[in-house]
Amino acid sequence: MPSETSSAPSSTPSKAPRVKKAALTGLKTLVKAASTPVAAESAPAGGMPVLQTAEAGPRVYVRQVDAQGRSYATGKRKNAIARVWIKPGNGKVTVNGRELAVYFARPVLQMIVAQPFEIANRVAQFDAVCTVVGGGLSGQAGAVRHGISKALTLFETELRAPLKAALLLRRDSRIVERKKYGRPKARRRFQFSKR
């Protein structure tokens, strides 16, 4: 027996209320997104930061410098992790308390570390102090490059575009594949013996 409380005639499809419900949930999410603060901009004269909503436009990147005038960033590559501080200077790069040419003796590794400065046209304008642990020399050089790139974008936000275009802000996710049981390495198999 049809119920008498049904307000919709039998000729309309039964999915009409679901469309209305979906439209209402869509409106709720739009209202929630508009009222949620996303990023804080620089503080005006009153001292309170101005909050930017999600619909205000593109993301705003704020310069981050500590009391000594340095920008800090962490870079990673393979198993190496580098902590990098940069400040205006004459281009001196120190890695774990040693000069760049002493720590990274191979010219290829020195070139990898210098890439962010060359792409940003900031050669011999910043000093970098790096501490790096883990991995080998190649991974450590990549970690220092990643850290320098991130620190440059925090010191000068307009450098983000060229460094991002050169893929220097992206953490290289390629790591060593794990060893499998029953095999000597990740994919290498033991020598086949027919008998």
N, C-alpha and C. Protein backbone atom coordinates (compact mmCIF):
# COMPACT_ATOMS: atom_id res chain seq x y z
N MET A 1 0.82 -1.19 0.00
CA MET A 1 0.00 0.00 0.00
C MET A 1 0.86 1.25 0.00
N PRO A 2 0.60 2.24 -0.86
CA PRO A 2 1.40 3.46 -0.84
C PRO A 2 1.12 4.27 0.41
N SER A 3 2.16 4.89 0.92
CA SER A 3 2.00 5.71 2.13
C SER A 3 1.39 7.06 1.78
N GLU A 4 0.59 7.57 2.68
CA GLU A 4 -0.08 8.85 2.44
C GLU A 4 0.80 10.03 2.78
N THR A 5 1.89 9.79 3.49
CA THR A 5 2.76 10.90 3.90
C THR A 5 3.69 11.32 2.78
N SER A 6 3.79 10.56 1.71
CA SER A 6 4.68 10.91 0.62
C SER A 6 4.17 12.15 -0.10
N SER A 7 4.99 13.20 -0.16
CA SER A 7 4.58 14.45 -0.78
C SER A 7 4.88 14.47 -2.26
N ALA A 8 5.80 13.61 -2.74
CA ALA A 8 6.17 13.62 -4.15
C ALA A 8 5.20 12.74 -4.93
N PRO A 9 4.73 13.21 -6.09
CA PRO A 9 3.87 12.37 -6.91
C PRO A 9 4.66 11.20 -7.48
N SER A 10 3.94 10.19 -7.94
CA SER A 10 4.58 8.97 -8.40
C SER A 10 5.30 9.16 -9.73
N SER A 11 5.03 10.25 -10.46
CA SER A 11 5.68 10.46 -11.75
C SER A 11 7.11 10.97 -11.62
N THR A 12 7.48 11.59 -10.52
CA THR A 12 8.86 12.09 -10.34
C THR A 12 9.75 10.95 -9.88
N PRO A 13 11.03 10.97 -10.28
CA PRO A 13 11.93 9.90 -9.85
C PRO A 13 12.20 9.96 -8.35
N SER A 14 12.55 8.84 -7.77
CA SER A 14 12.77 8.76 -6.32
C SER A 14 14.13 9.32 -5.91
N LYS A 15 14.99 9.65 -6.87
CA LYS A 15 16.33 10.14 -6.55
C LYS A 15 16.38 11.66 -6.38
N ALA A 16 15.28 12.35 -6.53
CA ALA A 16 15.27 13.80 -6.40
C ALA A 16 15.69 14.27 -5.01
N PRO A 17 15.23 13.65 -3.89
CA PRO A 17 15.68 14.12 -2.58
C PRO A 17 17.18 13.92 -2.39
N ARG A 18 17.78 12.88 -2.98
CA ARG A 18 19.22 12.67 -2.83
C ARG A 18 20.01 13.79 -3.50
N VAL A 19 19.54 14.29 -4.62
CA VAL A 19 20.22 15.39 -5.29
C VAL A 19 20.20 16.62 -4.41
N LYS A 20 19.06 16.88 -3.78
CA LYS A 20 18.98 18.03 -2.88
C LYS A 20 19.93 17.87 -1.71
N LYS A 21 20.01 16.65 -1.16
CA LYS A 21 20.89 16.40 -0.03
C LYS A 21 22.35 16.59 -0.43
N ALA A 22 22.71 16.13 -1.62
CA ALA A 22 24.09 16.32 -2.10
C ALA A 22 24.39 17.79 -2.30
N ALA A 23 23.41 18.53 -2.81
CA ALA A 23 23.63 19.96 -3.00
C ALA A 23 23.82 20.66 -1.66
N LEU A 24 23.06 20.24 -0.64
CA LEU A 24 23.22 20.84 0.68
C LEU A 24 24.58 20.52 1.28
N THR A 25 25.05 19.27 1.14
CA THR A 25 26.37 18.94 1.68
C THR A 25 27.46 19.68 0.93
N GLY A 26 27.27 19.90 -0.38
CA GLY A 26 28.25 20.68 -1.13
C GLY A 26 28.30 22.12 -0.65
N LEU A 27 27.14 22.69 -0.34
CA LEU A 27 27.12 24.05 0.19
C LEU A 27 27.77 24.12 1.56
N LYS A 28 27.54 23.09 2.38
CA LYS A 28 28.15 23.08 3.71
C LYS A 28 29.67 23.05 3.62
N THR A 29 30.22 22.25 2.69
CA THR A 29 31.67 22.19 2.56
C THR A 29 32.23 23.51 2.02
N LEU A 30 31.47 24.18 1.13
CA LEU A 30 31.94 25.48 0.64
C LEU A 30 31.97 26.51 1.75
N VAL A 31 30.94 26.51 2.59
CA VAL A 31 30.89 27.46 3.70
C VAL A 31 32.01 27.17 4.68
N LYS A 32 32.25 25.88 4.95
CA LYS A 32 33.31 25.51 5.89
C LYS A 32 34.68 25.90 5.35
N ALA A 33 34.91 25.70 4.04
CA ALA A 33 36.20 26.05 3.43
C ALA A 33 36.41 27.56 3.44
N ALA A 34 35.35 28.32 3.25
CA ALA A 34 35.49 29.77 3.22
C ALA A 34 35.78 30.33 4.59
N SER A 35 35.32 29.65 5.64
CA SER A 35 35.53 30.18 6.99
C SER A 35 36.81 29.67 7.63
N THR A 36 37.51 28.71 7.00
CA THR A 36 38.73 28.16 7.58
C THR A 36 39.93 29.00 7.18
N PRO A 37 40.73 29.48 8.15
CA PRO A 37 41.94 30.23 7.79
C PRO A 37 43.01 29.30 7.26
N VAL A 38 43.76 29.77 6.25
CA VAL A 38 44.77 28.93 5.61
C VAL A 38 46.17 29.36 6.01
N ALA A 39 46.52 30.61 5.81
CA ALA A 39 47.88 31.07 6.07
C ALA A 39 47.84 32.44 6.71
N ALA A 40 48.86 32.75 7.49
CA ALA A 40 48.95 34.06 8.13
C ALA A 40 49.92 34.92 7.34
N GLU A 41 49.54 36.17 7.10
CA GLU A 41 50.41 37.11 6.42
C GLU A 41 51.16 37.93 7.45
N SER A 42 51.92 38.89 6.99
CA SER A 42 52.69 39.71 7.91
C SER A 42 51.75 40.55 8.77
N ALA A 43 52.19 40.84 9.98
CA ALA A 43 51.35 41.54 10.94
C ALA A 43 51.27 43.02 10.60
N PRO A 44 50.07 43.62 10.66
CA PRO A 44 49.95 45.06 10.44
C PRO A 44 50.40 45.82 11.67
N ALA A 45 50.12 47.12 11.71
CA ALA A 45 50.58 47.97 12.80
C ALA A 45 50.00 47.53 14.13
N GLY A 46 48.80 46.94 14.14
CA GLY A 46 48.17 46.50 15.39
C GLY A 46 48.88 45.32 16.03
N GLY A 47 49.66 44.57 15.28
CA GLY A 47 50.40 43.45 15.82
C GLY A 47 49.74 42.10 15.57
N MET A 48 48.48 42.06 15.24
CA MET A 48 47.79 40.79 14.99
C MET A 48 47.98 40.39 13.53
N PRO A 49 48.29 39.12 13.23
CA PRO A 49 48.46 38.70 11.83
C PRO A 49 47.13 38.69 11.10
N VAL A 50 47.18 39.00 9.83
CA VAL A 50 46.00 38.98 8.99
C VAL A 50 45.85 37.57 8.44
N LEU A 51 44.69 36.97 8.64
CA LEU A 51 44.47 35.62 8.16
C LEU A 51 43.91 35.65 6.76
N GLN A 52 44.36 34.72 5.95
CA GLN A 52 43.93 34.64 4.57
C GLN A 52 43.01 33.43 4.43
N THR A 53 41.84 33.60 3.80
CA THR A 53 40.92 32.49 3.63
C THR A 53 41.28 31.70 2.39
N ALA A 54 40.62 30.56 2.22
CA ALA A 54 40.93 29.66 1.11
C ALA A 54 40.57 30.27 -0.24
N GLU A 55 39.57 31.16 -0.29
CA GLU A 55 39.13 31.72 -1.55
C GLU A 55 39.86 33.00 -1.92
N ALA A 56 40.81 33.45 -1.10
CA ALA A 56 41.45 34.74 -1.32
C ALA A 56 42.39 34.75 -2.52
N GLY A 57 42.91 33.60 -2.95
CA GLY A 57 43.79 33.58 -4.10
C GLY A 57 44.94 32.62 -3.91
N PRO A 58 46.05 32.86 -4.59
CA PRO A 58 47.18 31.93 -4.51
C PRO A 58 47.84 31.97 -3.14
N ARG A 59 48.58 30.91 -2.86
CA ARG A 59 49.26 30.80 -1.58
C ARG A 59 50.35 31.85 -1.45
N VAL A 60 50.45 32.43 -0.27
CA VAL A 60 51.44 33.47 -0.01
C VAL A 60 52.57 32.85 0.80
N TYR A 61 53.80 33.01 0.34
CA TYR A 61 54.96 32.48 1.05
C TYR A 61 55.64 33.63 1.79
N VAL A 62 55.91 33.41 3.07
CA VAL A 62 56.46 34.44 3.93
C VAL A 62 57.95 34.15 4.15
N ARG A 63 58.75 35.20 4.15
CA ARG A 63 60.19 35.08 4.40
C ARG A 63 60.42 34.64 5.83
N GLN A 64 61.28 33.63 6.02
CA GLN A 64 61.55 33.11 7.35
C GLN A 64 63.04 33.23 7.64
N VAL A 65 63.37 34.17 8.53
CA VAL A 65 64.76 34.44 8.89
C VAL A 65 64.84 34.51 10.41
N ASP A 66 65.89 33.92 11.01
CA ASP A 66 66.02 33.95 12.46
C ASP A 66 66.71 35.24 12.92
N ALA A 67 67.03 35.31 14.20
CA ALA A 67 67.60 36.53 14.78
C ALA A 67 68.99 36.84 14.22
N GLN A 68 69.72 35.82 13.78
CA GLN A 68 71.06 36.03 13.21
C GLN A 68 71.01 36.32 11.71
N GLY A 69 69.83 36.42 11.13
CA GLY A 69 69.70 36.70 9.71
C GLY A 69 69.88 35.48 8.82
N ARG A 70 69.64 34.29 9.38
CA ARG A 70 69.82 33.05 8.63
C ARG A 70 68.48 32.41 8.34
N SER A 71 68.45 31.63 7.26
CA SER A 71 67.29 30.78 6.96
C SER A 71 67.73 29.34 7.12
N TYR A 72 66.85 28.53 7.71
CA TYR A 72 67.16 27.13 7.98
C TYR A 72 66.23 26.22 7.19
N ALA A 73 66.78 25.12 6.69
CA ALA A 73 65.97 24.11 6.02
C ALA A 73 66.64 22.75 6.17
N THR A 74 65.84 21.71 6.02
CA THR A 74 66.33 20.34 6.09
C THR A 74 66.21 19.71 4.72
N GLY A 75 67.29 19.10 4.25
CA GLY A 75 67.27 18.41 2.96
C GLY A 75 67.49 16.93 3.15
N LYS A 76 66.88 16.14 2.27
CA LYS A 76 67.01 14.68 2.37
C LYS A 76 67.25 14.08 0.99
N ARG A 77 68.02 12.97 0.98
CA ARG A 77 68.28 12.22 -0.24
C ARG A 77 68.79 10.85 0.17
N LYS A 78 68.19 9.79 -0.35
CA LYS A 78 68.50 8.42 0.05
C LYS A 78 68.43 8.31 1.57
N ASN A 79 69.51 7.93 2.24
CA ASN A 79 69.51 7.83 3.70
C ASN A 79 70.19 9.01 4.36
N ALA A 80 70.50 10.05 3.63
CA ALA A 80 71.21 11.20 4.17
C ALA A 80 70.24 12.31 4.55
N ILE A 81 70.53 12.98 5.65
CA ILE A 81 69.73 14.11 6.12
C ILE A 81 70.69 15.26 6.38
N ALA A 82 70.40 16.41 5.76
CA ALA A 82 71.27 17.58 5.89
C ALA A 82 70.49 18.72 6.54
N ARG A 83 71.11 19.36 7.53
CA ARG A 83 70.57 20.59 8.11
C ARG A 83 71.37 21.74 7.55
N VAL A 84 70.69 22.73 6.98
CA VAL A 84 71.37 23.80 6.24
C VAL A 84 70.92 25.16 6.77
N TRP A 85 71.91 26.02 7.06
CA TRP A 85 71.65 27.41 7.40
C TRP A 85 72.34 28.27 6.34
N ILE A 86 71.61 29.23 5.76
CA ILE A 86 72.24 30.15 4.80
C ILE A 86 72.06 31.57 5.30
N LYS A 87 73.04 32.41 4.95
CA LYS A 87 72.97 33.83 5.27
C LYS A 87 73.76 34.58 4.20
N PRO A 88 73.52 35.86 4.02
CA PRO A 88 74.28 36.62 3.02
C PRO A 88 75.77 36.57 3.33
N GLY A 89 76.57 36.39 2.27
CA GLY A 89 78.01 36.29 2.46
C GLY A 89 78.73 36.29 1.13
N ASN A 90 79.87 35.60 1.08
CA ASN A 90 80.69 35.60 -0.13
C ASN A 90 80.77 34.24 -0.81
N GLY A 91 79.86 33.31 -0.48
CA GLY A 91 79.82 32.03 -1.18
C GLY A 91 80.56 30.90 -0.50
N LYS A 92 80.90 31.03 0.77
CA LYS A 92 81.62 29.99 1.49
C LYS A 92 80.62 28.92 1.96
N VAL A 93 80.88 27.66 1.58
CA VAL A 93 80.03 26.53 1.98
C VAL A 93 80.84 25.63 2.89
N THR A 94 80.32 25.38 4.10
CA THR A 94 80.99 24.53 5.07
C THR A 94 80.10 23.33 5.34
N VAL A 95 80.68 22.13 5.23
CA VAL A 95 79.94 20.88 5.46
C VAL A 95 80.62 20.14 6.60
N ASN A 96 79.88 19.93 7.68
CA ASN A 96 80.40 19.23 8.87
C ASN A 96 81.73 19.83 9.35
N GLY A 97 81.83 21.15 9.32
CA GLY A 97 83.02 21.84 9.82
C GLY A 97 84.18 21.87 8.84
N ARG A 98 84.02 21.36 7.64
CA ARG A 98 85.10 21.36 6.65
C ARG A 98 84.66 22.12 5.40
N GLU A 99 85.64 22.58 4.64
CA GLU A 99 85.35 23.28 3.38
C GLU A 99 84.65 22.33 2.40
N LEU A 100 83.92 22.90 1.47
CA LEU A 100 83.19 22.10 0.48
C LEU A 100 84.15 21.24 -0.34
N ALA A 101 85.28 21.81 -0.80
CA ALA A 101 86.23 21.08 -1.64
C ALA A 101 86.95 19.97 -0.86
N VAL A 102 87.00 20.09 0.46
CA VAL A 102 87.65 19.05 1.26
C VAL A 102 86.66 17.91 1.54
N TYR A 103 85.43 18.26 1.90
CA TYR A 103 84.45 17.23 2.25
C TYR A 103 83.98 16.48 1.01
N PHE A 104 83.58 17.22 -0.03
CA PHE A 104 83.17 16.62 -1.30
C PHE A 104 84.32 16.82 -2.28
N ALA A 105 85.26 15.86 -2.33
CA ALA A 105 86.46 16.03 -3.14
C ALA A 105 86.18 15.88 -4.63
N ARG A 106 85.19 15.07 -5.00
CA ARG A 106 84.90 14.87 -6.42
C ARG A 106 84.22 16.11 -7.01
N PRO A 107 84.63 16.56 -8.18
CA PRO A 107 84.02 17.75 -8.79
C PRO A 107 82.53 17.60 -9.08
N VAL A 108 82.09 16.36 -9.35
CA VAL A 108 80.67 16.14 -9.62
C VAL A 108 79.83 16.46 -8.39
N LEU A 109 80.31 16.07 -7.21
CA LEU A 109 79.58 16.34 -5.98
C LEU A 109 79.57 17.84 -5.67
N GLN A 110 80.69 18.52 -5.95
CA GLN A 110 80.73 19.98 -5.75
C GLN A 110 79.76 20.68 -6.68
N MET A 111 79.63 20.18 -7.91
CA MET A 111 78.70 20.76 -8.87
C MET A 111 77.26 20.57 -8.41
N ILE A 112 76.96 19.39 -7.83
CA ILE A 112 75.61 19.12 -7.34
C ILE A 112 75.24 20.10 -6.23
N VAL A 113 76.16 20.34 -5.31
CA VAL A 113 75.90 21.26 -4.18
C VAL A 113 75.73 22.69 -4.68
N ALA A 114 76.45 23.08 -5.73
CA ALA A 114 76.39 24.46 -6.22
C ALA A 114 75.20 24.74 -7.14
N GLN A 115 74.47 23.72 -7.56
CA GLN A 115 73.37 23.91 -8.51
C GLN A 115 72.32 24.93 -8.06
N PRO A 116 71.84 24.90 -6.82
CA PRO A 116 70.80 25.87 -6.44
C PRO A 116 71.25 27.32 -6.59
N PHE A 117 72.50 27.61 -6.24
CA PHE A 117 73.00 28.98 -6.36
C PHE A 117 73.09 29.41 -7.82
N GLU A 118 73.51 28.49 -8.71
CA GLU A 118 73.64 28.82 -10.12
C GLU A 118 72.28 29.05 -10.78
N ILE A 119 71.29 28.21 -10.44
CA ILE A 119 69.97 28.36 -11.04
C ILE A 119 69.29 29.63 -10.54
N ALA A 120 69.54 29.99 -9.28
CA ALA A 120 68.92 31.19 -8.72
C ALA A 120 69.72 32.46 -9.01
N ASN A 121 70.85 32.35 -9.72
CA ASN A 121 71.74 33.48 -10.00
C ASN A 121 72.20 34.16 -8.71
N ARG A 122 72.60 33.35 -7.74
CA ARG A 122 73.07 33.86 -6.46
C ARG A 122 74.44 33.28 -6.11
N VAL A 123 75.29 33.10 -7.13
CA VAL A 123 76.62 32.53 -6.90
C VAL A 123 77.45 33.54 -6.12
N ALA A 124 78.14 33.08 -5.08
CA ALA A 124 79.01 33.89 -4.21
C ALA A 124 78.24 35.02 -3.52
N GLN A 125 76.96 34.80 -3.22
CA GLN A 125 76.19 35.79 -2.48
C GLN A 125 75.71 35.28 -1.14
N PHE A 126 75.79 33.96 -0.91
CA PHE A 126 75.32 33.38 0.34
C PHE A 126 76.38 32.45 0.90
N ASP A 127 76.52 32.46 2.22
CA ASP A 127 77.31 31.48 2.93
C ASP A 127 76.37 30.39 3.43
N ALA A 128 76.82 29.14 3.37
CA ALA A 128 76.00 28.02 3.83
C ALA A 128 76.79 27.20 4.84
N VAL A 129 76.14 26.88 5.95
CA VAL A 129 76.71 26.00 6.96
C VAL A 129 75.82 24.78 7.02
N CYS A 130 76.41 23.60 6.77
CA CYS A 130 75.61 22.37 6.67
C CYS A 130 76.16 21.32 7.63
N THR A 131 75.25 20.58 8.24
CA THR A 131 75.61 19.36 8.96
C THR A 131 74.82 18.24 8.33
N VAL A 132 75.51 17.19 7.93
CA VAL A 132 74.85 16.10 7.20
C VAL A 132 75.27 14.78 7.82
N VAL A 133 74.27 13.88 7.97
CA VAL A 133 74.51 12.56 8.56
C VAL A 133 73.84 11.52 7.69
N GLY A 134 74.36 10.30 7.75
CA GLY A 134 73.75 9.16 7.06
C GLY A 134 74.12 9.07 5.60
N GLY A 135 74.00 7.86 5.06
CA GLY A 135 74.23 7.64 3.64
C GLY A 135 75.68 7.77 3.23
N GLY A 136 75.89 7.79 1.91
CA GLY A 136 77.23 7.97 1.37
C GLY A 136 77.41 9.38 0.86
N LEU A 137 78.52 9.62 0.17
CA LEU A 137 78.82 10.98 -0.29
C LEU A 137 77.83 11.46 -1.33
N SER A 138 77.39 10.59 -2.22
CA SER A 138 76.44 11.00 -3.25
C SER A 138 75.10 11.40 -2.64
N GLY A 139 74.60 10.59 -1.72
CA GLY A 139 73.35 10.93 -1.05
C GLY A 139 73.48 12.18 -0.21
N GLN A 140 74.63 12.37 0.43
CA GLN A 140 74.84 13.56 1.25
C GLN A 140 74.89 14.82 0.39
N ALA A 141 75.52 14.73 -0.78
CA ALA A 141 75.55 15.88 -1.68
C ALA A 141 74.14 16.24 -2.15
N GLY A 142 73.33 15.24 -2.46
CA GLY A 142 71.95 15.50 -2.85
C GLY A 142 71.13 16.09 -1.72
N ALA A 143 71.39 15.64 -0.49
CA ALA A 143 70.67 16.18 0.66
C ALA A 143 71.05 17.64 0.91
N VAL A 144 72.33 17.96 0.77
CA VAL A 144 72.77 19.35 0.95
C VAL A 144 72.15 20.23 -0.14
N ARG A 145 72.10 19.74 -1.39
CA ARG A 145 71.48 20.51 -2.47
C ARG A 145 70.01 20.77 -2.18
N HIS A 146 69.30 19.76 -1.71
CA HIS A 146 67.88 19.91 -1.37
C HIS A 146 67.70 20.92 -0.24
N GLY A 147 68.56 20.86 0.78
CA GLY A 147 68.46 21.80 1.90
C GLY A 147 68.77 23.22 1.49
N ILE A 148 69.78 23.42 0.65
CA ILE A 148 70.13 24.77 0.18
C ILE A 148 68.98 25.35 -0.64
N SER A 149 68.37 24.52 -1.48
CA SER A 149 67.25 25.00 -2.30
C SER A 149 66.09 25.45 -1.43
N LYS A 150 65.74 24.65 -0.43
CA LYS A 150 64.64 25.02 0.45
C LYS A 150 64.97 26.27 1.27
N ALA A 151 66.22 26.37 1.73
CA ALA A 151 66.60 27.55 2.52
C ALA A 151 66.60 28.82 1.67
N LEU A 152 67.00 28.70 0.41
CA LEU A 152 66.95 29.88 -0.48
C LEU A 152 65.52 30.37 -0.67
N THR A 153 64.58 29.44 -0.80
CA THR A 153 63.18 29.87 -0.97
C THR A 153 62.63 30.51 0.29
N LEU A 154 63.14 30.11 1.45
CA LEU A 154 62.69 30.74 2.69
C LEU A 154 63.33 32.10 2.89
N PHE A 155 64.55 32.30 2.36
CA PHE A 155 65.22 33.59 2.49
C PHE A 155 64.67 34.59 1.47
N GLU A 156 64.53 34.15 0.21
CA GLU A 156 63.97 34.99 -0.85
C GLU A 156 62.84 34.21 -1.50
N THR A 157 61.61 34.60 -1.22
CA THR A 157 60.46 33.82 -1.70
C THR A 157 60.31 33.85 -3.22
N GLU A 158 60.85 34.87 -3.88
CA GLU A 158 60.71 34.94 -5.34
C GLU A 158 61.60 33.92 -6.05
N LEU A 159 62.52 33.28 -5.34
CA LEU A 159 63.37 32.25 -5.95
C LEU A 159 62.67 30.90 -6.04
N ARG A 160 61.49 30.80 -5.48
CA ARG A 160 60.77 29.51 -5.49
C ARG A 160 60.46 29.04 -6.91
N ALA A 161 60.05 29.95 -7.78
CA ALA A 161 59.66 29.56 -9.15
C ALA A 161 60.81 28.94 -9.94
N PRO A 162 62.00 29.58 -10.03
CA PRO A 162 63.06 28.94 -10.81
C PRO A 162 63.58 27.65 -10.19
N LEU A 163 63.63 27.58 -8.86
CA LEU A 163 64.11 26.36 -8.21
C LEU A 163 63.11 25.23 -8.36
N LYS A 164 61.83 25.57 -8.32
CA LYS A 164 60.82 24.53 -8.50
C LYS A 164 60.80 24.04 -9.94
N ALA A 165 61.01 24.94 -10.89
CA ALA A 165 61.05 24.54 -12.30
C ALA A 165 62.22 23.60 -12.57
N ALA A 166 63.32 23.77 -11.84
CA ALA A 166 64.48 22.90 -12.00
C ALA A 166 64.38 21.63 -11.16
N LEU A 167 63.23 21.43 -10.48
CA LEU A 167 62.96 20.25 -9.65
C LEU A 167 63.91 20.11 -8.47
N LEU A 168 64.44 21.21 -7.97
CA LEU A 168 65.36 21.15 -6.85
C LEU A 168 64.64 21.17 -5.51
N LEU A 169 63.37 21.52 -5.49
CA LEU A 169 62.62 21.53 -4.23
C LEU A 169 61.95 20.20 -3.96
N ARG A 170 62.01 19.29 -4.90
CA ARG A 170 61.37 17.99 -4.77
C ARG A 170 62.33 17.00 -4.10
N ARG A 171 61.83 16.31 -3.09
CA ARG A 171 62.63 15.30 -2.42
C ARG A 171 62.67 14.07 -3.32
N ASP A 172 63.87 13.66 -3.71
CA ASP A 172 64.03 12.51 -4.60
C ASP A 172 63.67 11.24 -3.81
N SER A 173 62.60 10.57 -4.20
CA SER A 173 62.08 9.45 -3.41
C SER A 173 62.76 8.13 -3.72
N ARG A 174 63.74 8.12 -4.61
CA ARG A 174 64.38 6.85 -4.97
C ARG A 174 65.32 6.41 -3.85
N ILE A 175 65.02 5.27 -3.25
CA ILE A 175 65.87 4.72 -2.21
C ILE A 175 66.18 3.27 -2.56
N VAL A 176 67.08 2.67 -1.80
CA VAL A 176 67.52 1.31 -2.07
C VAL A 176 66.37 0.35 -1.82
N GLU A 177 66.14 -0.55 -2.77
CA GLU A 177 65.08 -1.55 -2.63
C GLU A 177 65.50 -2.58 -1.59
N ARG A 178 64.53 -3.04 -0.81
CA ARG A 178 64.84 -3.96 0.28
C ARG A 178 65.24 -5.34 -0.25
N LYS A 179 66.07 -6.01 0.54
CA LYS A 179 66.49 -7.37 0.21
C LYS A 179 65.34 -8.33 0.47
N LYS A 180 65.17 -9.31 -0.42
CA LYS A 180 64.12 -10.31 -0.26
C LYS A 180 64.73 -11.61 0.28
N TYR A 181 63.93 -12.32 1.06
CA TYR A 181 64.41 -13.60 1.58
C TYR A 181 64.50 -14.61 0.44
N GLY A 182 65.46 -15.50 0.53
CA GLY A 182 65.67 -16.49 -0.52
C GLY A 182 66.48 -15.97 -1.69
N ARG A 183 66.94 -14.73 -1.59
CA ARG A 183 67.76 -14.13 -2.65
C ARG A 183 68.94 -13.41 -2.00
N PRO A 184 70.07 -13.32 -2.71
CA PRO A 184 71.23 -12.65 -2.10
C PRO A 184 71.08 -11.13 -2.02
N LYS A 185 70.31 -10.55 -2.93
CA LYS A 185 70.08 -9.09 -2.91
C LYS A 185 68.60 -8.84 -3.17
N ALA A 186 68.26 -7.63 -3.62
CA ALA A 186 66.85 -7.31 -3.83
C ALA A 186 66.25 -8.12 -4.97
N ARG A 187 66.98 -8.24 -6.08
CA ARG A 187 66.47 -8.98 -7.24
C ARG A 187 67.41 -10.08 -7.72
N ARG A 188 68.67 -10.01 -7.34
CA ARG A 188 69.65 -11.01 -7.77
C ARG A 188 69.25 -12.37 -7.24
N ARG A 189 69.39 -13.39 -8.10
CA ARG A 189 69.09 -14.75 -7.69
C ARG A 189 70.38 -15.54 -7.57
N PHE A 190 70.31 -16.60 -6.80
CA PHE A 190 71.45 -17.51 -6.71
C PHE A 190 71.65 -18.22 -8.05
N GLN A 191 72.88 -18.64 -8.30
CA GLN A 191 73.17 -19.31 -9.55
C GLN A 191 72.34 -20.58 -9.70
N PHE A 192 71.75 -20.75 -10.88
CA PHE A 192 70.90 -21.90 -11.12
C PHE A 192 71.75 -23.15 -11.27
N SER A 193 71.34 -24.21 -10.61
CA SER A 193 72.01 -25.50 -10.73
C SER A 193 71.00 -26.52 -11.21
N LYS A 194 71.24 -27.09 -12.37
CA LYS A 194 70.28 -28.02 -12.95
C LYS A 194 70.19 -29.31 -12.13
N ARG A 195 71.31 -29.77 -11.57
CA ARG A 195 71.31 -31.01 -10.78
C ARG A 195 71.94 -30.80 -9.43
